[in-house]
Amino acid sequence: MASAGVNIRVSNLQKSWGDLKVLDNISFDVAAGTFLTLLGPSGCGKSTALRLIAGLDEVSSGTISIEGQDVTGLAAAQRNIGMVFQNYALFPHMNVRKNILYGMRIRRAPIDTQNRNLARVTELMGLDMLLERYPAQLSGGQQQRVALARVLVAERPLVLMDEPLSNLDAKLRVEIRSEIRALNKSLGITVIYVTHDQSEALSMSDKVLLMKDGKTSQFGTPVDLYKNPQNTFAAGFIGTPPVNLIPAHILDPQVLGSYSCNIADIQVGIRPEDFSLSESATKSGLRGTVVGTEYEGVQTLLTIDIAGQAKVITSTVGAGNIVVGTEVFLDFDPATLHVFAKKDGEKIHRNP
């Protein structure tokens, strides 16, 4: 199989349909072998960006380079890429063997090459015993493996995936995404993967391009996006449960002493796990009342009302023993705070 991916550079990519701007100045670079996820809510432009990289739609402006070659004007067939769609698109009248080899046969690849590649990819994907079955005889997970194998058998160095797991149940999604990630690492291929599921993005990716309204919200590693969100959208979209956004005035002013900003102009983000429950008040802590509990097995999420001015979520281990109506004190390390401007939601950094 392919042993090396390709590097990708997307520069100032824009796409409009008439007066509607779908993509607005998207840029990123990824090294060969990188697993990049385009992440964001429905309608943010991530699938459009993927189609432009694939050559399926025409770019309005900007450039796309693969291994230093400008491919912006090239047809999809000239870009040496593989693509896996949300719909498996298997031929129902062909068995697994013929489905996997369909592209190679159309290109009239040598028979010995077809057989060699088929043997290697079916072993990788655990499809050895299913070659004579037809799609109707396969489970959803098996059909998705066949769709992946059909792309991998062609030994493309760049594989694009457009929400390929959305039709699978939760257990299968976890299983298949682990296999996709393992294939990326073992084969060294470059993968660009589209999803709206932030858990997929965090668990699979080397880099994540978080998108909103056709623009880049933040680009970085999964850890970067979670630990250092650059705006309220990134803070709220990444993480389950999402970050708590609270008005700055309910905090002790000394907690925000290292920021040069007006309290009225900012809001503060605190991750649920960065709160700790205390039996008594601390100087910088918050006092509140439990107004909701949600048991999730390994933890119980607590919704806490802070004097009617904000509601925050934190958690306790297991079922816990805290019930609605309990008064609690929330402590936190000021270093874990994320401070954002109310006006545009952008992050405000501490003074040097």
Protein backbone atom coordinates (compact mmCIF):
# COMPACT_ATOMS: atom_id res chain seq x y z
CA MET A 1 0.00 0.00 0.00
CA ALA A 2 0.94 3.67 -0.23
CA SER A 3 3.66 4.57 2.22
CA ALA A 4 3.57 8.33 2.06
CA GLY A 5 0.98 11.06 1.87
CA VAL A 6 1.24 14.51 0.34
CA ASN A 7 1.35 18.01 1.76
CA ILE A 8 -1.54 20.37 1.07
CA ARG A 9 -1.66 24.16 0.94
CA VAL A 10 -4.96 26.01 0.66
CA SER A 11 -4.60 29.77 0.23
CA ASN A 12 -7.35 32.38 0.48
CA LEU A 13 -9.98 29.95 -0.77
CA GLN A 14 -13.33 31.53 -1.61
CA LYS A 15 -16.52 30.14 -3.10
CA SER A 16 -19.69 32.01 -3.99
CA TRP A 17 -22.93 30.94 -5.57
CA GLY A 18 -24.20 34.17 -7.10
CA ASP A 19 -24.38 36.71 -4.28
CA LEU A 20 -24.10 34.03 -1.60
CA LYS A 21 -20.56 33.67 -0.24
CA VAL A 22 -20.19 30.11 1.04
CA LEU A 23 -16.45 30.17 1.78
CA ASP A 24 -14.62 33.30 2.83
CA ASN A 25 -10.82 33.37 2.70
CA ILE A 26 -10.01 29.88 4.03
CA SER A 27 -6.27 29.11 4.35
CA PHE A 28 -4.31 26.24 5.88
CA ASP A 29 -1.20 24.09 5.42
CA VAL A 30 -0.88 20.45 6.38
CA ALA A 31 2.17 18.21 6.15
CA ALA A 32 2.25 14.83 4.43
CA GLY A 33 0.60 12.10 6.50
CA THR A 34 -1.52 14.55 8.50
CA PHE A 35 -5.07 13.74 9.54
CA LEU A 36 -6.92 17.05 9.15
CA THR A 37 -10.55 17.45 10.16
CA LEU A 38 -12.81 20.20 8.82
CA LEU A 39 -15.21 20.68 11.72
CA GLY A 40 -18.26 22.85 12.21
CA PRO A 41 -22.06 23.00 12.29
CA SER A 42 -24.26 22.29 9.28
CA GLY A 43 -23.97 25.02 6.66
CA CYS A 44 -20.54 26.28 7.75
CA GLY A 45 -18.91 25.41 4.39
CA LYS A 46 -16.82 22.39 5.36
CA SER A 47 -18.22 20.05 2.68
CA THR A 48 -17.90 22.83 0.09
CA ALA A 49 -14.22 23.21 1.01
CA LEU A 50 -13.73 19.46 0.59
CA ARG A 51 -15.42 19.47 -2.83
CA LEU A 52 -13.15 22.31 -3.96
CA ILE A 53 -10.06 20.39 -2.85
CA ALA A 54 -11.40 17.34 -4.68
CA GLY A 55 -11.99 19.33 -7.87
CA LEU A 56 -15.73 18.58 -7.88
CA ASP A 57 -16.66 22.29 -7.78
CA GLU A 58 -14.97 25.33 -9.29
CA VAL A 59 -13.06 27.75 -7.03
CA SER A 60 -14.24 31.39 -7.07
CA SER A 61 -10.80 32.63 -5.97
CA GLY A 62 -7.75 31.37 -4.12
CA THR A 63 -5.44 28.42 -4.77
CA ILE A 64 -5.06 24.76 -3.85
CA SER A 65 -1.63 23.13 -4.02
CA ILE A 66 -0.73 19.46 -3.60
CA GLU A 67 2.97 18.67 -3.19
CA GLY A 68 3.79 22.18 -4.38
CA GLN A 69 1.76 21.85 -7.59
CA ASP A 70 -1.09 24.28 -8.14
CA VAL A 71 -4.08 22.03 -8.88
CA THR A 72 -6.75 24.73 -8.66
CA GLY A 73 -7.66 24.43 -12.33
CA LEU A 74 -7.22 20.67 -12.67
CA ALA A 75 -10.11 18.25 -13.02
CA ALA A 76 -10.79 15.82 -10.17
CA ALA A 77 -9.36 12.89 -12.16
CA GLN A 78 -6.01 14.69 -12.46
CA ARG A 79 -5.49 15.27 -8.72
CA ASN A 80 -4.63 11.68 -7.68
CA ILE A 81 -7.03 11.62 -4.75
CA GLY A 82 -9.49 9.13 -3.27
CA MET A 83 -12.83 10.12 -1.80
CA VAL A 84 -15.24 8.45 0.62
CA PHE A 85 -18.76 9.86 0.73
CA GLN A 86 -21.49 9.78 3.37
CA ASN A 87 -23.41 7.46 1.05
CA TYR A 88 -21.37 4.29 0.57
CA ALA A 89 -22.36 4.20 -3.14
CA LEU A 90 -21.72 0.46 -3.50
CA PHE A 91 -22.98 -1.28 -6.63
CA PRO A 92 -25.73 -3.65 -5.44
CA HIS A 93 -25.24 -6.08 -8.37
CA MET A 94 -21.50 -6.49 -7.68
CA ASN A 95 -19.93 -8.55 -4.92
CA VAL A 96 -17.39 -7.09 -2.50
CA ARG A 97 -14.43 -8.12 -4.69
CA LYS A 98 -15.81 -6.34 -7.77
CA ASN A 99 -16.89 -3.27 -5.78
CA ILE A 100 -13.41 -2.83 -4.36
CA LEU A 101 -11.66 -3.33 -7.69
CA TYR A 102 -14.13 -1.33 -9.81
CA GLY A 103 -11.94 1.76 -10.16
CA MET A 104 -8.79 -0.21 -10.94
CA ARG A 105 -10.63 -2.20 -13.60
CA ILE A 106 -11.99 0.97 -15.22
CA ARG A 107 -8.41 2.29 -15.36
CA ARG A 108 -7.27 -1.08 -16.73
CA ALA A 109 -4.65 -1.64 -14.07
CA PRO A 110 -2.63 -4.85 -14.58
CA ILE A 111 -4.39 -7.92 -13.17
CA ASP A 112 -1.44 -8.86 -10.94
CA THR A 113 -1.48 -5.32 -9.45
CA GLN A 114 -5.22 -5.61 -8.83
CA ASN A 115 -4.84 -8.95 -7.09
CA ARG A 116 -1.88 -7.82 -5.00
CA ASN A 117 -3.57 -4.64 -3.85
CA LEU A 118 -6.85 -6.43 -3.19
CA ALA A 119 -5.15 -8.99 -0.96
CA ARG A 120 -3.38 -6.30 1.05
CA VAL A 121 -6.36 -3.98 1.52
CA THR A 122 -8.84 -6.74 2.41
CA GLU A 123 -6.43 -8.02 5.05
CA LEU A 124 -6.10 -4.51 6.47
CA MET A 125 -9.87 -3.99 6.53
CA GLY A 126 -10.82 -7.49 7.72
CA LEU A 127 -12.78 -8.25 4.55
CA ASP A 128 -10.97 -11.45 3.49
CA MET A 129 -13.97 -13.70 4.15
CA LEU A 130 -16.56 -11.41 2.59
CA LEU A 131 -15.30 -11.03 -0.98
CA GLU A 132 -18.11 -13.04 -2.56
CA ARG A 133 -20.93 -11.35 -0.64
CA TYR A 134 -23.15 -8.62 -2.08
CA PRO A 135 -23.84 -5.26 -0.34
CA ALA A 136 -27.33 -6.39 0.76
CA GLN A 137 -25.67 -9.21 2.69
CA LEU A 138 -23.42 -6.85 4.66
CA SER A 139 -23.95 -4.86 7.85
CA GLY A 140 -23.57 -1.08 7.84
CA GLY A 141 -20.08 -1.34 9.28
CA GLN A 142 -19.03 -3.90 6.68
CA GLN A 143 -20.39 -1.72 3.87
CA GLN A 144 -18.38 1.22 5.17
CA ARG A 145 -15.24 -0.94 5.24
CA VAL A 146 -15.84 -1.89 1.62
CA ALA A 147 -16.22 1.80 0.68
CA LEU A 148 -12.93 2.57 2.43
CA ALA A 149 -11.21 -0.42 0.83
CA ARG A 150 -12.33 0.75 -2.62
CA VAL A 151 -10.43 4.00 -2.05
CA LEU A 152 -7.38 2.44 -0.37
CA VAL A 153 -6.86 -0.21 -3.05
CA ALA A 154 -5.96 2.52 -5.56
CA GLU A 155 -3.05 3.64 -3.33
CA ARG A 156 -3.94 7.32 -3.42
CA PRO A 157 -1.68 9.47 -1.20
CA LEU A 158 -4.57 11.85 -0.37
CA VAL A 159 -7.97 10.62 0.81
CA LEU A 160 -10.94 12.95 1.36
CA MET A 161 -13.81 11.80 3.57
CA ASP A 162 -17.18 13.58 3.77
CA GLU A 163 -18.98 12.55 6.98
CA PRO A 164 -18.43 8.84 6.21
CA LEU A 165 -19.69 7.58 9.58
CA SER A 166 -22.91 9.55 9.97
CA ASN A 167 -25.09 6.60 8.89
CA LEU A 168 -23.66 4.24 11.51
CA ASP A 169 -24.81 3.73 15.09
CA ALA A 170 -22.74 5.13 17.95
CA LYS A 171 -20.86 1.89 18.74
CA LEU A 172 -19.89 1.31 15.11
CA ARG A 173 -18.81 4.93 14.68
CA VAL A 174 -16.31 4.56 17.52
CA GLU A 175 -15.03 1.29 16.08
CA ILE A 176 -14.67 2.48 12.48
CA ARG A 177 -13.09 5.81 13.39
CA SER A 178 -10.37 3.94 15.29
CA GLU A 179 -9.74 1.85 12.18
CA ILE A 180 -9.57 4.93 9.93
CA ARG A 181 -7.08 6.59 12.26
CA ALA A 182 -4.97 3.41 12.40
CA LEU A 183 -4.95 3.22 8.59
CA ASN A 184 -3.86 6.85 8.34
CA LYS A 185 -0.89 6.14 10.60
CA SER A 186 0.09 2.74 9.22
CA LEU A 187 -0.12 3.79 5.55
CA GLY A 188 1.15 7.35 5.96
CA ILE A 189 -1.63 8.77 3.77
CA THR A 190 -2.88 12.32 4.15
CA VAL A 191 -6.54 12.46 5.18
CA ILE A 192 -8.94 15.41 5.07
CA TYR A 193 -12.08 14.48 6.97
CA VAL A 194 -15.35 16.41 7.27
CA THR A 195 -17.60 16.08 10.32
CA HIS A 196 -19.92 18.07 12.58
CA ASP A 197 -19.10 15.71 15.47
CA GLN A 198 -16.50 17.28 17.74
CA SER A 199 -15.77 13.96 19.49
CA GLU A 200 -14.68 12.52 16.12
CA ALA A 201 -12.48 15.54 15.48
CA LEU A 202 -10.82 15.43 18.90
CA SER A 203 -10.18 11.68 18.86
CA MET A 204 -8.94 11.27 15.28
CA SER A 205 -7.15 14.43 14.19
CA ASP A 206 -3.64 15.78 14.09
CA LYS A 207 -5.06 19.17 13.11
CA VAL A 208 -8.57 20.64 13.18
CA LEU A 209 -9.93 23.50 11.10
CA LEU A 210 -12.97 24.75 13.00
CA MET A 211 -15.33 26.65 10.70
CA LYS A 212 -18.25 29.01 11.19
CA ASP A 213 -20.26 30.82 8.52
CA GLY A 214 -17.73 29.98 5.81
CA LYS A 215 -14.77 31.34 7.78
CA THR A 216 -12.00 29.89 9.93
CA SER A 217 -12.84 30.13 13.61
CA GLN A 218 -9.63 28.42 14.77
CA PHE A 219 -6.96 26.14 13.31
CA GLY A 220 -4.73 23.96 15.44
CA THR A 221 -4.31 20.66 17.24
CA PRO A 222 -7.25 19.18 19.16
CA VAL A 223 -5.47 20.11 22.40
CA ASP A 224 -5.02 23.70 21.18
CA LEU A 225 -8.72 24.07 20.44
CA TYR A 226 -9.80 22.59 23.75
CA LYS A 227 -7.23 24.13 26.08
CA ASN A 228 -6.79 27.47 24.35
CA PRO A 229 -9.97 28.48 22.47
CA GLN A 230 -9.50 31.77 20.64
CA ASN A 231 -13.16 32.83 20.69
CA THR A 232 -16.46 32.00 22.33
CA PHE A 233 -17.58 29.90 19.35
CA ALA A 234 -14.56 27.61 19.65
CA ALA A 235 -14.96 27.46 23.43
CA GLY A 236 -18.61 26.50 23.15
CA PHE A 237 -18.39 24.12 20.19
CA ILE A 238 -15.48 22.05 21.51
CA GLY A 239 -16.12 20.07 24.68
CA THR A 240 -18.96 18.06 26.20
CA PRO A 241 -20.55 19.58 28.17
CA PRO A 242 -19.59 22.95 26.67
CA VAL A 243 -17.67 25.69 28.42
CA ASN A 244 -19.51 27.82 30.98
CA LEU A 245 -19.74 31.45 29.85
CA ILE A 246 -20.49 33.78 32.74
CA PRO A 247 -20.54 37.57 33.25
CA ALA A 248 -17.25 38.81 34.63
CA HIS A 249 -18.85 40.98 37.35
CA ILE A 250 -19.88 37.96 39.44
CA LEU A 251 -16.21 37.08 40.02
CA ASP A 252 -13.93 38.62 42.62
CA PRO A 253 -12.20 41.54 40.81
CA GLN A 254 -8.78 40.33 41.95
CA VAL A 255 -9.24 37.17 39.88
CA LEU A 256 -9.15 39.28 36.72
CA GLY A 257 -6.39 41.59 37.89
CA SER A 258 -3.96 40.34 35.24
CA TYR A 259 -6.22 41.51 32.39
CA SER A 260 -6.35 45.09 31.08
CA CYS A 261 -10.05 45.37 30.34
CA ASN A 262 -13.30 46.79 31.59
CA ILE A 263 -15.32 44.19 33.52
CA ALA A 264 -18.49 45.29 31.74
CA ASP A 265 -16.93 44.53 28.35
CA ILE A 266 -15.93 40.92 28.94
CA GLN A 267 -17.29 37.47 29.72
CA VAL A 268 -15.43 34.57 31.27
CA GLY A 269 -15.28 30.93 30.19
CA ILE A 270 -14.67 28.10 32.66
CA ARG A 271 -14.65 24.43 31.64
CA PRO A 272 -16.98 22.28 33.81
CA GLU A 273 -14.06 20.10 34.95
CA ASP A 274 -12.12 23.18 36.10
CA PHE A 275 -14.60 23.77 38.93
CA SER A 276 -14.17 21.96 42.21
CA LEU A 277 -16.89 21.69 44.85
CA SER A 278 -16.03 23.05 48.28
CA GLU A 279 -17.84 22.77 51.59
CA SER A 280 -17.13 26.37 52.42
CA ALA A 281 -16.60 29.61 50.54
CA THR A 282 -13.18 30.63 49.27
CA LYS A 283 -11.99 34.10 48.43
CA SER A 284 -12.28 33.63 44.66
CA GLY A 285 -15.00 31.00 44.57
CA LEU A 286 -18.69 31.19 43.71
CA ARG A 287 -21.69 30.37 45.86
CA GLY A 288 -24.72 28.77 44.26
CA THR A 289 -27.63 26.36 44.49
CA VAL A 290 -28.00 23.07 42.63
CA VAL A 291 -31.03 23.35 40.32
CA GLY A 292 -30.51 20.25 38.18
CA THR A 293 -28.72 16.90 38.14
CA GLU A 294 -28.01 14.56 35.22
CA TYR A 295 -26.61 11.10 35.97
CA GLU A 296 -24.29 9.77 33.23
CA GLY A 297 -22.79 6.71 34.89
CA VAL A 298 -19.18 7.69 35.41
CA GLN A 299 -20.25 11.17 36.47
CA THR A 300 -23.24 13.30 37.44
CA LEU A 301 -23.56 16.72 35.87
CA LEU A 302 -24.75 19.45 38.22
CA THR A 303 -26.45 22.64 37.05
CA ILE A 304 -25.83 25.38 39.59
CA ASP A 305 -27.55 28.74 39.79
CA ILE A 306 -25.24 31.57 40.88
CA ALA A 307 -27.49 34.06 42.70
CA GLY A 308 -29.82 34.27 39.69
CA GLN A 309 -27.08 35.88 37.61
CA ALA A 310 -25.69 32.82 35.82
CA LYS A 311 -26.04 29.06 35.60
CA VAL A 312 -22.99 26.84 35.34
CA ILE A 313 -22.37 23.13 34.90
CA THR A 314 -19.86 21.05 36.83
CA SER A 315 -19.67 17.37 37.74
CA THR A 316 -19.15 14.88 40.53
CA VAL A 317 -17.84 11.33 40.29
CA GLY A 318 -20.47 8.61 39.86
CA ALA A 319 -23.97 9.15 41.21
CA GLY A 320 -22.79 11.47 43.98
CA ASN A 321 -25.01 12.51 46.85
CA ILE A 322 -25.83 16.10 45.92
CA VAL A 323 -29.52 16.77 45.29
CA VAL A 324 -31.47 19.68 43.87
CA GLY A 325 -31.68 22.51 46.39
CA THR A 326 -28.24 21.90 47.91
CA GLU A 327 -26.14 25.00 48.48
CA VAL A 328 -22.58 24.54 47.15
CA PHE A 329 -19.38 26.52 46.73
CA LEU A 330 -17.43 26.38 43.50
CA ASP A 331 -13.69 26.92 43.54
CA PHE A 332 -11.38 27.24 40.54
CA ASP A 333 -7.82 28.10 39.59
CA PRO A 334 -7.77 31.58 37.97
CA ALA A 335 -5.19 30.22 35.49
CA THR A 336 -7.91 28.06 33.92
CA LEU A 337 -10.12 31.02 33.00
CA HIS A 338 -10.72 32.06 29.39
CA VAL A 339 -11.59 35.74 28.98
CA PHE A 340 -13.48 36.94 25.91
CA ALA A 341 -14.65 40.32 24.63
CA LYS A 342 -18.45 40.64 24.66
CA LYS A 343 -18.40 42.67 21.45
CA ASP A 344 -16.87 40.11 19.07
CA GLY A 345 -16.28 37.04 21.23
CA GLU A 346 -12.52 37.09 20.64
CA LYS A 347 -10.12 35.97 23.36
CA ILE A 348 -8.41 38.56 25.56
CA HIS A 349 -4.93 37.53 26.72
CA ARG A 350 -3.32 38.16 30.07
CA ASN A 351 -0.86 40.96 30.52
CA PRO A 352 2.74 39.81 29.96
